[in-house]
Amino acid sequence: MVFWNEMYPPANKAEQPSLHLSLAAGELTYAWQPADGLPGAAPPRNSSDAAALRGLRRASALVALPPVEVVAHSSRLPKVPAQNPEPVLSPVADAAHSDVVAPAPWAWEAA
């Protein structure tokens, strides 16, 4: 798995998602892209990205999820401007952004 850097040119660096997720045969794999560096091994345990991964693992242990590959971020602010058609999962959206809303990782942690 790699990030599609051509979708996020240098001028759009702020909207680059932090997670590239793949769910296949019941196994969740991911690539993590920290906002301020090169792709790393794993997000810090107390980060919202790590909370999102824990939530997805819990969900996939409870119900059979279909195979899927997506990009996502767990920022508390939307990232993708409305004029950009990039399908990025996000816990937040507004009229000025086209992020695709998914359950917030901090809500999974509270459950």
PDB file of N, CA and C in Angstrom:
ATOM      1  N   MET A   1       0.832  -1.177   0.000  1.00  0.00           N
ATOM      2  CA  MET A   1       0.000   0.000   0.000  1.00  0.00           C
ATOM      3  C   MET A   1       0.881   1.246   0.000  1.00  0.00           C
ATOM      4  N   VAL A   2       0.501   2.198  -0.782  1.00  0.00           N
ATOM      5  CA  VAL A   2       1.211   3.471  -0.811  1.00  0.00           C
ATOM      6  C   VAL A   2       0.188   4.593  -0.844  1.00  0.00           C
ATOM      7  N   PHE A   3       0.604   5.778  -0.481  1.00  0.00           N
ATOM      8  CA  PHE A   3      -0.263   6.945  -0.596  1.00  0.00           C
ATOM      9  C   PHE A   3      -0.206   7.456  -2.016  1.00  0.00           C
ATOM     10  N   TRP A   4      -1.308   8.002  -2.464  1.00  0.00           N
ATOM     11  CA  TRP A   4      -1.391   8.539  -3.810  1.00  0.00           C
ATOM     12  C   TRP A   4      -0.959   9.991  -3.768  1.00  0.00           C
ATOM     13  N   ASN A   5       0.352  10.216  -3.769  1.00  0.00           N
ATOM     14  CA  ASN A   5       0.860  11.576  -3.621  1.00  0.00           C
ATOM     15  C   ASN A   5       0.439  12.492  -4.755  1.00  0.00           C
ATOM     16  N   GLU A   6       0.170  11.944  -5.944  1.00  0.00           N
ATOM     17  CA  GLU A   6      -0.260  12.803  -7.040  1.00  0.00           C
ATOM     18  C   GLU A   6      -1.629  13.430  -6.766  1.00  0.00           C
ATOM     19  N   MET A   7      -2.428  12.817  -5.866  1.00  0.00           N
ATOM     20  CA  MET A   7      -3.717  13.412  -5.494  1.00  0.00           C
ATOM     21  C   MET A   7      -3.525  14.602  -4.574  1.00  0.00           C
ATOM     22  N   TYR A   8      -2.372  14.676  -3.921  1.00  0.00           N
ATOM     23  CA  TYR A   8      -2.131  15.704  -2.918  1.00  0.00           C
ATOM     24  C   TYR A   8      -0.845  16.445  -3.241  1.00  0.00           C
ATOM     25  N   PRO A   9      -0.892  17.348  -4.229  1.00  0.00           N
ATOM     26  CA  PRO A   9       0.327  18.086  -4.598  1.00  0.00           C
ATOM     27  C   PRO A   9       0.782  18.961  -3.428  1.00  0.00           C
ATOM     28  N   PRO A  10       2.027  19.461  -3.481  1.00  0.00           N
ATOM     29  CA  PRO A  10       2.558  20.253  -2.365  1.00  0.00           C
ATOM     30  C   PRO A  10       1.630  21.374  -1.907  1.00  0.00           C
ATOM     31  N   ALA A  11       0.919  22.012  -2.814  1.00  0.00           N
ATOM     32  CA  ALA A  11       0.006  23.095  -2.426  1.00  0.00           C
ATOM     33  C   ALA A  11      -1.167  22.569  -1.597  1.00  0.00           C
ATOM     34  N   ASN A  12      -1.459  21.264  -1.707  1.00  0.00           N
ATOM     35  CA  ASN A  12      -2.580  20.666  -0.975  1.00  0.00           C
ATOM     36  C   ASN A  12      -2.098  19.807   0.187  1.00  0.00           C
ATOM     37  N   LYS A  13      -0.893  19.994   0.662  1.00  0.00           N
ATOM     38  CA  LYS A  13      -0.319  19.153   1.719  1.00  0.00           C
ATOM     39  C   LYS A  13      -1.212  19.090   2.959  1.00  0.00           C
ATOM     40  N   ALA A  14      -1.892  20.186   3.281  1.00  0.00           N
ATOM     41  CA  ALA A  14      -2.732  20.232   4.486  1.00  0.00           C
ATOM     42  C   ALA A  14      -3.907  19.269   4.412  1.00  0.00           C
ATOM     43  N   GLU A  15      -4.323  18.883   3.209  1.00  0.00           N
ATOM     44  CA  GLU A  15      -5.467  17.984   3.101  1.00  0.00           C
ATOM     45  C   GLU A  15      -5.079  16.519   2.950  1.00  0.00           C
ATOM     46  N   GLN A  16      -3.790  16.210   2.971  1.00  0.00           N
ATOM     47  CA  GLN A  16      -3.365  14.820   2.822  1.00  0.00           C
ATOM     48  C   GLN A  16      -3.876  13.987   3.999  1.00  0.00           C
ATOM     49  N   PRO A  17      -4.560  12.875   3.726  1.00  0.00           N
ATOM     50  CA  PRO A  17      -5.060  12.029   4.815  1.00  0.00           C
ATOM     51  C   PRO A  17      -3.915  11.295   5.504  1.00  0.00           C
ATOM     52  N   SER A  18      -4.140  10.912   6.748  1.00  0.00           N
ATOM     53  CA  SER A  18      -3.069  10.275   7.508  1.00  0.00           C
ATOM     54  C   SER A  18      -3.106   8.754   7.453  1.00  0.00           C
ATOM     55  N   LEU A  19      -4.235   8.157   7.036  1.00  0.00           N
ATOM     56  CA  LEU A  19      -4.354   6.697   7.024  1.00  0.00           C
ATOM     57  C   LEU A  19      -4.778   6.175   5.662  1.00  0.00           C
ATOM     58  N   HIS A  20      -4.139   5.111   5.232  1.00  0.00           N
ATOM     59  CA  HIS A  20      -4.554   4.355   4.058  1.00  0.00           C
ATOM     60  C   HIS A  20      -4.897   2.971   4.608  1.00  0.00           C
ATOM     61  N   LEU A  21      -6.185   2.629   4.587  1.00  0.00           N
ATOM     62  CA  LEU A  21      -6.676   1.409   5.221  1.00  0.00           C
ATOM     63  C   LEU A  21      -7.082   0.367   4.191  1.00  0.00           C
ATOM     64  N   SER A  22      -6.820  -0.881   4.515  1.00  0.00           N
ATOM     65  CA  SER A  22      -7.241  -1.986   3.673  1.00  0.00           C
ATOM     66  C   SER A  22      -7.814  -3.081   4.579  1.00  0.00           C
ATOM     67  N   LEU A  23      -9.034  -3.483   4.295  1.00  0.00           N
ATOM     68  CA  LEU A  23      -9.667  -4.567   5.035  1.00  0.00           C
ATOM     69  C   LEU A  23      -9.968  -5.678   4.037  1.00  0.00           C
ATOM     70  N   ALA A  24      -9.320  -6.826   4.223  1.00  0.00           N
ATOM     71  CA  ALA A  24      -9.518  -7.956   3.322  1.00  0.00           C
ATOM     72  C   ALA A  24      -9.390  -9.244   4.127  1.00  0.00           C
ATOM     73  N   ALA A  25     -10.286 -10.174   3.882  1.00  0.00           N
ATOM     74  CA  ALA A  25     -10.285 -11.469   4.567  1.00  0.00           C
ATOM     75  C   ALA A  25     -10.266 -11.298   6.085  1.00  0.00           C
ATOM     76  N   GLY A  26     -10.978 -10.275   6.571  1.00  0.00           N
ATOM     77  CA  GLY A  26     -11.067 -10.046   8.003  1.00  0.00           C
ATOM     78  C   GLY A  26      -9.835  -9.428   8.637  1.00  0.00           C
ATOM     79  N   GLU A  27      -8.833  -9.076   7.836  1.00  0.00           N
ATOM     80  CA  GLU A  27      -7.599  -8.509   8.373  1.00  0.00           C
ATOM     81  C   GLU A  27      -7.474  -7.040   7.992  1.00  0.00           C
ATOM     82  N   LEU A  28      -7.214  -6.189   8.975  1.00  0.00           N
ATOM     83  CA  LEU A  28      -7.017  -4.760   8.750  1.00  0.00           C
ATOM     84  C   LEU A  28      -5.529  -4.471   8.644  1.00  0.00           C
ATOM     85  N   THR A  29      -5.129  -3.893   7.523  1.00  0.00           N
ATOM     86  CA  THR A  29      -3.749  -3.426   7.356  1.00  0.00           C
ATOM     87  C   THR A  29      -3.818  -1.936   7.046  1.00  0.00           C
ATOM     88  N   TYR A  30      -2.734  -1.245   7.292  1.00  0.00           N
ATOM     89  CA  TYR A  30      -2.745   0.191   7.061  1.00  0.00           C
ATOM     90  C   TYR A  30      -1.342   0.716   6.791  1.00  0.00           C
ATOM     91  N   ALA A  31      -1.310   1.890   6.185  1.00  0.00           N
ATOM     92  CA  ALA A  31      -0.095   2.690   6.063  1.00  0.00           C
ATOM     93  C   ALA A  31      -0.420   4.012   6.745  1.00  0.00           C
ATOM     94  N   TRP A  32       0.508   4.518   7.518  1.00  0.00           N
ATOM     95  CA  TRP A  32       0.279   5.755   8.265  1.00  0.00           C
ATOM     96  C   TRP A  32       1.196   6.846   7.770  1.00  0.00           C
ATOM     97  N   GLN A  33       0.650   8.016   7.533  1.00  0.00           N
ATOM     98  CA  GLN A  33       1.399   9.181   7.048  1.00  0.00           C
ATOM     99  C   GLN A  33       1.252  10.301   8.067  1.00  0.00           C
ATOM    100  N   PRO A  34       2.266  10.523   8.917  1.00  0.00           N
ATOM    101  CA  PRO A  34       2.160  11.636   9.856  1.00  0.00           C
ATOM    102  C   PRO A  34       2.096  12.966   9.114  1.00  0.00           C
ATOM    103  N   ALA A  35       1.419  13.923   9.688  1.00  0.00           N
ATOM    104  CA  ALA A  35       1.237  15.225   9.044  1.00  0.00           C
ATOM    105  C   ALA A  35       2.558  15.958   8.830  1.00  0.00           C
ATOM    106  N   ASP A  36       3.539  15.682   9.671  1.00  0.00           N
ATOM    107  CA  ASP A  36       4.781  16.444   9.601  1.00  0.00           C
ATOM    108  C   ASP A  36       6.006  15.604   9.252  1.00  0.00           C
ATOM    109  N   GLY A  37       5.800  14.558   8.443  1.00  0.00           N
ATOM    110  CA  GLY A  37       6.969  13.761   8.100  1.00  0.00           C
ATOM    111  C   GLY A  37       6.691  12.707   7.052  1.00  0.00           C
ATOM    112  N   LEU A  38       7.613  11.770   6.943  1.00  0.00           N
ATOM    113  CA  LEU A  38       7.499  10.685   5.987  1.00  0.00           C
ATOM    114  C   LEU A  38       6.655   9.560   6.574  1.00  0.00           C
ATOM    115  N   PRO A  39       6.131   8.676   5.733  1.00  0.00           N
ATOM    116  CA  PRO A  39       5.327   7.565   6.261  1.00  0.00           C
ATOM    117  C   PRO A  39       6.064   6.840   7.379  1.00  0.00           C
ATOM    118  N   GLY A  40       5.333   6.557   8.450  1.00  0.00           N
ATOM    119  CA  GLY A  40       5.945   5.926   9.614  1.00  0.00           C
ATOM    120  C   GLY A  40       5.369   4.544   9.862  1.00  0.00           C
ATOM    121  N   ALA A  41       5.788   3.942  10.926  1.00  0.00           N
ATOM    122  CA  ALA A  41       5.357   2.584  11.253  1.00  0.00           C
ATOM    123  C   ALA A  41       3.944   2.567  11.820  1.00  0.00           C
ATOM    124  N   ALA A  42       3.715   3.303  12.894  1.00  0.00           N
ATOM    125  CA  ALA A  42       2.417   3.277  13.552  1.00  0.00           C
ATOM    126  C   ALA A  42       2.151   4.621  14.220  1.00  0.00           C
ATOM    127  N   PRO A  43       0.893   5.010  14.293  1.00  0.00           N
ATOM    128  CA  PRO A  43       0.584   6.260  14.986  1.00  0.00           C
ATOM    129  C   PRO A  43       0.800   6.104  16.492  1.00  0.00           C
ATOM    130  N   PRO A  44       1.088   7.199  17.199  1.00  0.00           N
ATOM    131  CA  PRO A  44       1.237   7.112  18.651  1.00  0.00           C
ATOM    132  C   PRO A  44      -0.031   6.542  19.297  1.00  0.00           C
ATOM    133  N   ARG A  45       0.122   5.738  20.326  1.00  0.00           N
ATOM    134  CA  ARG A  45      -1.004   5.049  20.962  1.00  0.00           C
ATOM    135  C   ARG A  45      -2.118   5.990  21.411  1.00  0.00           C
ATOM    136  N   ASN A  46      -1.779   7.187  21.861  1.00  0.00           N
ATOM    137  CA  ASN A  46      -2.798   8.108  22.355  1.00  0.00           C
ATOM    138  C   ASN A  46      -3.356   9.033  21.271  1.00  0.00           C
ATOM    139  N   SER A  47      -3.038   8.790  20.009  1.00  0.00           N
ATOM    140  CA  SER A  47      -3.518   9.644  18.917  1.00  0.00           C
ATOM    141  C   SER A  47      -4.901   9.222  18.434  1.00  0.00           C
ATOM    142  N   SER A  48      -5.577  10.149  17.762  1.00  0.00           N
ATOM    143  CA  SER A  48      -6.892   9.822  17.209  1.00  0.00           C
ATOM    144  C   SER A  48      -6.777   8.825  16.058  1.00  0.00           C
ATOM    145  N   ASP A  49      -5.637   8.814  15.345  1.00  0.00           N
ATOM    146  CA  ASP A  49      -5.440   7.801  14.297  1.00  0.00           C
ATOM    147  C   ASP A  49      -5.384   6.405  14.913  1.00  0.00           C
ATOM    148  N   ALA A  50      -4.673   6.256  16.034  1.00  0.00           N
ATOM    149  CA  ALA A  50      -4.606   4.959  16.719  1.00  0.00           C
ATOM    150  C   ALA A  50      -5.984   4.562  17.239  1.00  0.00           C
ATOM    151  N   ALA A  51      -6.756   5.522  17.734  1.00  0.00           N
ATOM    152  CA  ALA A  51      -8.115   5.239  18.207  1.00  0.00           C
ATOM    153  C   ALA A  51      -8.995   4.758  17.052  1.00  0.00           C
ATOM    154  N   ALA A  52      -8.830   5.366  15.874  1.00  0.00           N
ATOM    155  CA  ALA A  52      -9.601   4.931  14.702  1.00  0.00           C
ATOM    156  C   ALA A  52      -9.264   3.488  14.336  1.00  0.00           C
ATOM    157  N   LEU A  53      -7.977   3.140  14.381  1.00  0.00           N
ATOM    158  CA  LEU A  53      -7.567   1.768  14.071  1.00  0.00           C
ATOM    159  C   LEU A  53      -8.136   0.778  15.094  1.00  0.00           C
ATOM    160  N   ARG A  54      -8.104   1.151  16.379  1.00  0.00           N
ATOM    161  CA  ARG A  54      -8.678   0.271  17.407  1.00  0.00           C
ATOM    162  C   ARG A  54     -10.179   0.077  17.185  1.00  0.00           C
ATOM    163  N   GLY A  55     -10.874   1.146  16.843  1.00  0.00           N
ATOM    164  CA  GLY A  55     -12.308   1.050  16.594  1.00  0.00           C
ATOM    165  C   GLY A  55     -12.631   0.152  15.410  1.00  0.00           C
ATOM    166  N   LEU A  56     -11.865   0.289  14.337  1.00  0.00           N
ATOM    167  CA  LEU A  56     -12.087  -0.561  13.159  1.00  0.00           C
ATOM    168  C   LEU A  56     -11.791  -2.024  13.469  1.00  0.00           C
ATOM    169  N   ARG A  57     -10.751  -2.271  14.257  1.00  0.00           N
ATOM    170  CA  ARG A  57     -10.443  -3.660  14.634  1.00  0.00           C
ATOM    171  C   ARG A  57     -11.574  -4.248  15.477  1.00  0.00           C
ATOM    172  N   ARG A  58     -12.113  -3.448  16.404  1.00  0.00           N
ATOM    173  CA  ARG A  58     -13.239  -3.922  17.221  1.00  0.00           C
ATOM    174  C   ARG A  58     -14.456  -4.218  16.361  1.00  0.00           C
ATOM    175  N   ALA A  59     -14.765  -3.302  15.442  1.00  0.00           N
ATOM    176  CA  ALA A  59     -15.921  -3.496  14.571  1.00  0.00           C
ATOM    177  C   ALA A  59     -15.765  -4.745  13.718  1.00  0.00           C
ATOM    178  N   SER A  60     -14.563  -4.955  13.169  1.00  0.00           N
ATOM    179  CA  SER A  60     -14.361  -6.124  12.309  1.00  0.00           C
ATOM    180  C   SER A  60     -14.377  -7.432  13.106  1.00  0.00           C
ATOM    181  N   ALA A  61     -14.135  -7.366  14.419  1.00  0.00           N
ATOM    182  CA  ALA A  61     -14.217  -8.564  15.256  1.00  0.00           C
ATOM    183  C   ALA A  61     -15.671  -8.899  15.595  1.00  0.00           C
ATOM    184  N   LEU A  62     -16.553  -7.886  15.543  1.00  0.00           N
ATOM    185  CA  LEU A  62     -17.958  -8.096  15.899  1.00  0.00           C
ATOM    186  C   LEU A  62     -18.834  -8.482  14.713  1.00  0.00           C
ATOM    187  N   VAL A  63     -18.573  -7.909  13.569  1.00  0.00           N
ATOM    188  CA  VAL A  63     -19.381  -8.166  12.370  1.00  0.00           C
ATOM    189  C   VAL A  63     -18.462  -8.387  11.172  1.00  0.00           C
ATOM    190  N   ALA A  64     -18.955  -9.120  10.204  1.00  0.00           N
ATOM    191  CA  ALA A  64     -18.186  -9.341   8.975  1.00  0.00           C
ATOM    192  C   ALA A  64     -18.257  -8.073   8.126  1.00  0.00           C
ATOM    193  N   LEU A  65     -17.126  -7.460   7.898  1.00  0.00           N
ATOM    194  CA  LEU A  65     -17.069  -6.258   7.066  1.00  0.00           C
ATOM    195  C   LEU A  65     -16.619  -6.641   5.661  1.00  0.00           C
ATOM    196  N   PRO A  66     -17.149  -5.946   4.653  1.00  0.00           N
ATOM    197  CA  PRO A  66     -16.745  -6.264   3.280  1.00  0.00           C
ATOM    198  C   PRO A  66     -15.314  -5.816   3.008  1.00  0.00           C
ATOM    199  N   PRO A  67     -14.662  -6.446   2.039  1.00  0.00           N
ATOM    200  CA  PRO A  67     -13.316  -5.984   1.668  1.00  0.00           C
ATOM    201  C   PRO A  67     -13.398  -4.539   1.174  1.00  0.00           C
ATOM    202  N   VAL A  68     -12.508  -3.713   1.660  1.00  0.00           N
ATOM    203  CA  VAL A  68     -12.528  -2.301   1.282  1.00  0.00           C
ATOM    204  C   VAL A  68     -11.132  -1.710   1.426  1.00  0.00           C
ATOM    205  N   GLU A  69     -10.850  -0.709   0.627  1.00  0.00           N
ATOM    206  CA  GLU A  69      -9.598   0.032   0.735  1.00  0.00           C
ATOM    207  C   GLU A  69      -9.957   1.510   0.661  1.00  0.00           C
ATOM    208  N   VAL A  70      -9.557   2.273   1.671  1.00  0.00           N
ATOM    209  CA  VAL A  70      -9.921   3.685   1.744  1.00  0.00           C
ATOM    210  C   VAL A  70      -8.760   4.506   2.296  1.00  0.00           C
ATOM    211  N   VAL A  71      -8.845   5.806   2.089  1.00  0.00           N
ATOM    212  CA  VAL A  71      -7.966   6.746   2.761  1.00  0.00           C
ATOM    213  C   VAL A  71      -8.819   7.515   3.753  1.00  0.00           C
ATOM    214  N   ALA A  72      -8.216   7.896   4.873  1.00  0.00           N
ATOM    215  CA  ALA A  72      -8.969   8.545   5.941  1.00  0.00           C
ATOM    216  C   ALA A  72      -8.060   9.442   6.760  1.00  0.00           C
ATOM    217  N   HIS A  73      -8.689  10.278   7.558  1.00  0.00           N
ATOM    218  CA  HIS A  73      -7.950  11.043   8.561  1.00  0.00           C
ATOM    219  C   HIS A  73      -8.834  11.142   9.792  1.00  0.00           C
ATOM    220  N   SER A  74      -8.230  11.471  10.924  1.00  0.00           N
ATOM    221  CA  SER A  74      -8.992  11.566  12.163  1.00  0.00           C
ATOM    222  C   SER A  74      -8.895  12.959  12.773  1.00  0.00           C
ATOM    223  N   SER A  75      -8.565  13.933  11.956  1.00  0.00           N
ATOM    224  CA  SER A  75      -8.469  15.307  12.420  1.00  0.00           C
ATOM    225  C   SER A  75      -9.842  15.817  12.855  1.00  0.00           C
ATOM    226  N   ARG A  76      -9.855  16.732  13.806  1.00  0.00           N
ATOM    227  CA  ARG A  76     -11.122  17.308  14.265  1.00  0.00           C
ATOM    228  C   ARG A  76     -11.616  18.415  13.335  1.00  0.00           C
ATOM    229  N   LEU A  77     -10.882  18.685  12.269  1.00  0.00           N
ATOM    230  CA  LEU A  77     -11.287  19.666  11.266  1.00  0.00           C
ATOM    231  C   LEU A  77     -11.322  18.996   9.899  1.00  0.00           C
ATOM    232  N   PRO A  78     -12.303  19.353   9.030  1.00  0.00           N
ATOM    233  CA  PRO A  78     -12.321  18.788   7.676  1.00  0.00           C
ATOM    234  C   PRO A  78     -11.082  19.212   6.905  1.00  0.00           C
ATOM    235  N   LYS A  79     -10.685  18.394   5.920  1.00  0.00           N
ATOM    236  CA  LYS A  79      -9.455  18.666   5.175  1.00  0.00           C
ATOM    237  C   LYS A  79      -9.666  18.911   3.687  1.00  0.00           C
ATOM    238  N   VAL A  80     -10.645  18.278   3.063  1.00  0.00           N
ATOM    239  CA  VAL A  80     -10.752  18.290   1.603  1.00  0.00           C
ATOM    240  C   VAL A  80     -11.694  19.405   1.143  1.00  0.00           C
ATOM    241  N   PRO A  81     -11.161  20.426   0.449  1.00  0.00           N
ATOM    242  CA  PRO A  81     -12.026  21.509  -0.036  1.00  0.00           C
ATOM    243  C   PRO A  81     -13.144  20.968  -0.932  1.00  0.00           C
ATOM    244  N   ALA A  82     -14.293  21.613  -0.892  1.00  0.00           N
ATOM    245  CA  ALA A  82     -15.482  21.136  -1.613  1.00  0.00           C
ATOM    246  C   ALA A  82     -15.242  20.945  -3.106  1.00  0.00           C
ATOM    247  N   GLN A  83     -14.379  21.748  -3.707  1.00  0.00           N
ATOM    248  CA  GLN A  83     -14.154  21.637  -5.151  1.00  0.00           C
ATOM    249  C   GLN A  83     -13.301  20.427  -5.522  1.00  0.00           C
ATOM    250  N   ASN A  84     -12.675  19.758  -4.541  1.00  0.00           N
ATOM    251  CA  ASN A  84     -11.843  18.581  -4.808  1.00  0.00           C
ATOM    252  C   ASN A  84     -12.672  17.314  -4.593  1.00  0.00           C
ATOM    253  N   PRO A  85     -12.725  16.424  -5.565  1.00  0.00           N
ATOM    254  CA  PRO A  85     -13.573  15.227  -5.463  1.00  0.00           C
ATOM    255  C   PRO A  85     -12.917  14.032  -4.773  1.00  0.00           C
ATOM    256  N   GLU A  86     -11.929  14.253  -3.914  1.00  0.00           N
ATOM    257  CA  GLU A  86     -11.209  13.150  -3.280  1.00  0.00           C
ATOM    258  C   GLU A  86     -12.064  12.503  -2.193  1.00  0.00           C
ATOM    259  N   PRO A  87     -12.363  11.211  -2.302  1.00  0.00           N
ATOM    260  CA  PRO A  87     -13.172  10.530  -1.273  1.00  0.00           C
ATOM    261  C   PRO A  87     -12.319  10.152  -0.061  1.00  0.00           C
ATOM    262  N   VAL A  88     -12.319  10.989   0.955  1.00  0.00           N
ATOM    263  CA  VAL A  88     -11.515  10.790   2.155  1.00  0.00           C
ATOM    264  C   VAL A  88     -12.443  10.678   3.358  1.00  0.00           C
ATOM    265  N   LEU A  89     -12.367   9.553   4.096  1.00  0.00           N
ATOM    266  CA  LEU A  89     -13.185   9.391   5.290  1.00  0.00           C
ATOM    267  C   LEU A  89     -12.695  10.328   6.388  1.00  0.00           C
ATOM    268  N   SER A  90     -13.643  10.918   7.106  1.00  0.00           N
ATOM    269  CA  SER A  90     -13.324  11.917   8.115  1.00  0.00           C
ATOM    270  C   SER A  90     -14.394  11.906   9.203  1.00  0.00           C
ATOM    271  N   PRO A  91     -14.041  12.263  10.439  1.00  0.00           N
ATOM    272  CA  PRO A  91     -15.059  12.347  11.476  1.00  0.00           C
ATOM    273  C   PRO A  91     -15.880  13.632  11.399  1.00  0.00           C
ATOM    274  N   VAL A  92     -15.495  14.572  10.544  1.00  0.00           N
ATOM    275  CA  VAL A  92     -16.192  15.860  10.450  1.00  0.00           C
ATOM    276  C   VAL A  92     -16.313  16.310   8.995  1.00  0.00           C
ATOM    277  N   ALA A  93     -17.307  17.142   8.732  1.00  0.00           N
ATOM    278  CA  ALA A  93     -17.493  17.742   7.413  1.00  0.00           C
ATOM    279  C   ALA A  93     -18.293  19.025   7.588  1.00  0.00           C
ATOM    280  N   ASP A  94     -18.253  19.846   6.581  1.00  0.00           N
ATOM    281  CA  ASP A  94     -19.091  21.043   6.559  1.00  0.00           C
ATOM    282  C   ASP A  94     -19.332  21.411   5.097  1.00  0.00           C
ATOM    283  N   ALA A  95     -20.089  22.481   4.867  1.00  0.00           N
ATOM    284  CA  ALA A  95     -20.470  22.854   3.500  1.00  0.00           C
ATOM    285  C   ALA A  95     -19.265  23.243   2.641  1.00  0.00           C
ATOM    286  N   ALA A  96     -18.179  23.660   3.239  1.00  0.00           N
ATOM    287  CA  ALA A  96     -17.005  24.091   2.485  1.00  0.00           C
ATOM    288  C   ALA A  96     -16.040  22.950   2.185  1.00  0.00           C
ATOM    289  N   HIS A  97     -16.365  21.732   2.628  1.00  0.00           N
ATOM    290  CA  HIS A  97     -15.461  20.590   2.453  1.00  0.00           C
ATOM    291  C   HIS A  97     -16.219  19.370   1.948  1.00  0.00           C
ATOM    292  N   SER A  98     -15.499  18.470   1.282  1.00  0.00           N
ATOM    293  CA  SER A  98     -16.151  17.268   0.737  1.00  0.00           C
ATOM    294  C   SER A  98     -15.692  15.989   1.433  1.00  0.00           C
ATOM    295  N   ASP A  99     -15.167  16.091   2.654  1.00  0.00           N
ATOM    296  CA  ASP A  99     -14.805  14.898   3.411  1.00  0.00           C
ATOM    297  C   ASP A  99     -16.044  14.006   3.558  1.00  0.00           C
ATOM    298  N   VAL A 100     -15.862  12.688   3.522  1.00  0.00           N
ATOM    299  CA  VAL A 100     -16.961  11.727   3.678  1.00  0.00           C
ATOM    300  C   VAL A 100     -17.032  11.352   5.161  1.00  0.00           C
ATOM    301  N   VAL A 101     -18.153  11.647   5.795  1.00  0.00           N
ATOM    302  CA  VAL A 101     -18.261  11.468   7.248  1.00  0.00           C
ATOM    303  C   VAL A 101     -18.307   9.990   7.634  1.00  0.00           C
ATOM    304  N   ALA A 102     -17.492   9.648   8.629  1.00  0.00           N
ATOM    305  CA  ALA A 102     -17.434   8.304   9.224  1.00  0.00           C
ATOM    306  C   ALA A 102     -17.462   8.503  10.747  1.00  0.00           C
ATOM    307  N   PRO A 103     -17.775   7.467  11.512  1.00  0.00           N
ATOM    308  CA  PRO A 103     -17.795   7.629  12.975  1.00  0.00           C
ATOM    309  C   PRO A 103     -16.465   8.168  13.511  1.00  0.00           C
ATOM    310  N   ALA A 104     -16.566   9.093  14.457  1.00  0.00           N
ATOM    311  CA  ALA A 104     -15.376   9.710  15.045  1.00  0.00           C
ATOM    312  C   ALA A 104     -14.664   8.729  15.961  1.00  0.00           C
ATOM    313  N   PRO A 105     -13.326   8.648  15.877  1.00  0.00           N
ATOM    314  CA  PRO A 105     -12.585   7.708  16.723  1.00  0.00           C
ATOM    315  C   PRO A 105     -12.766   7.985  18.208  1.00  0.00           C
ATOM    316  N   TRP A 106     -12.928   9.250  18.603  1.00  0.00           N
ATOM    317  CA  TRP A 106     -13.103   9.549  20.020  1.00  0.00           C
ATOM    318  C   TRP A 106     -14.452   9.027  20.521  1.00  0.00           C
ATOM    319  N   ALA A 107     -15.442   8.862  19.641  1.00  0.00           N
ATOM    320  CA  ALA A 107     -16.723   8.265  20.026  1.00  0.00           C
ATOM    321  C   ALA A 107     -16.558   6.751  20.251  1.00  0.00           C
ATOM    322  N   TRP A 108     -15.718   6.101  19.441  1.00  0.00           N
ATOM    323  CA  TRP A 108     -15.467   4.661  19.623  1.00  0.00           C
ATOM    324  C   TRP A 108     -14.789   4.404  20.953  1.00  0.00           C
ATOM    325  N   GLU A 109     -13.877   5.284  21.327  1.00  0.00           N
ATOM    326  CA  GLU A 109     -13.159   5.104  22.588  1.00  0.00           C
ATOM    327  C   GLU A 109     -14.095   5.237  23.779  1.00  0.00           C
ATOM    328  N   ALA A 110     -15.122   6.063  23.665  1.00  0.00           N
ATOM    329  CA  ALA A 110     -16.062   6.274  24.776  1.00  0.00           C
ATOM    330  C   ALA A 110     -17.016   5.101  24.946  1.00  0.00           C
ATOM    331  N   ALA A 111     -17.208   4.317  23.886  1.00  0.00           N
ATOM    332  CA  ALA A 111     -18.177   3.212  23.930  1.00  0.00           C
ATOM    333  C   ALA A 111     -17.664   2.032  24.724  1.00  0.00           C
TER     334      ALA A 111
END
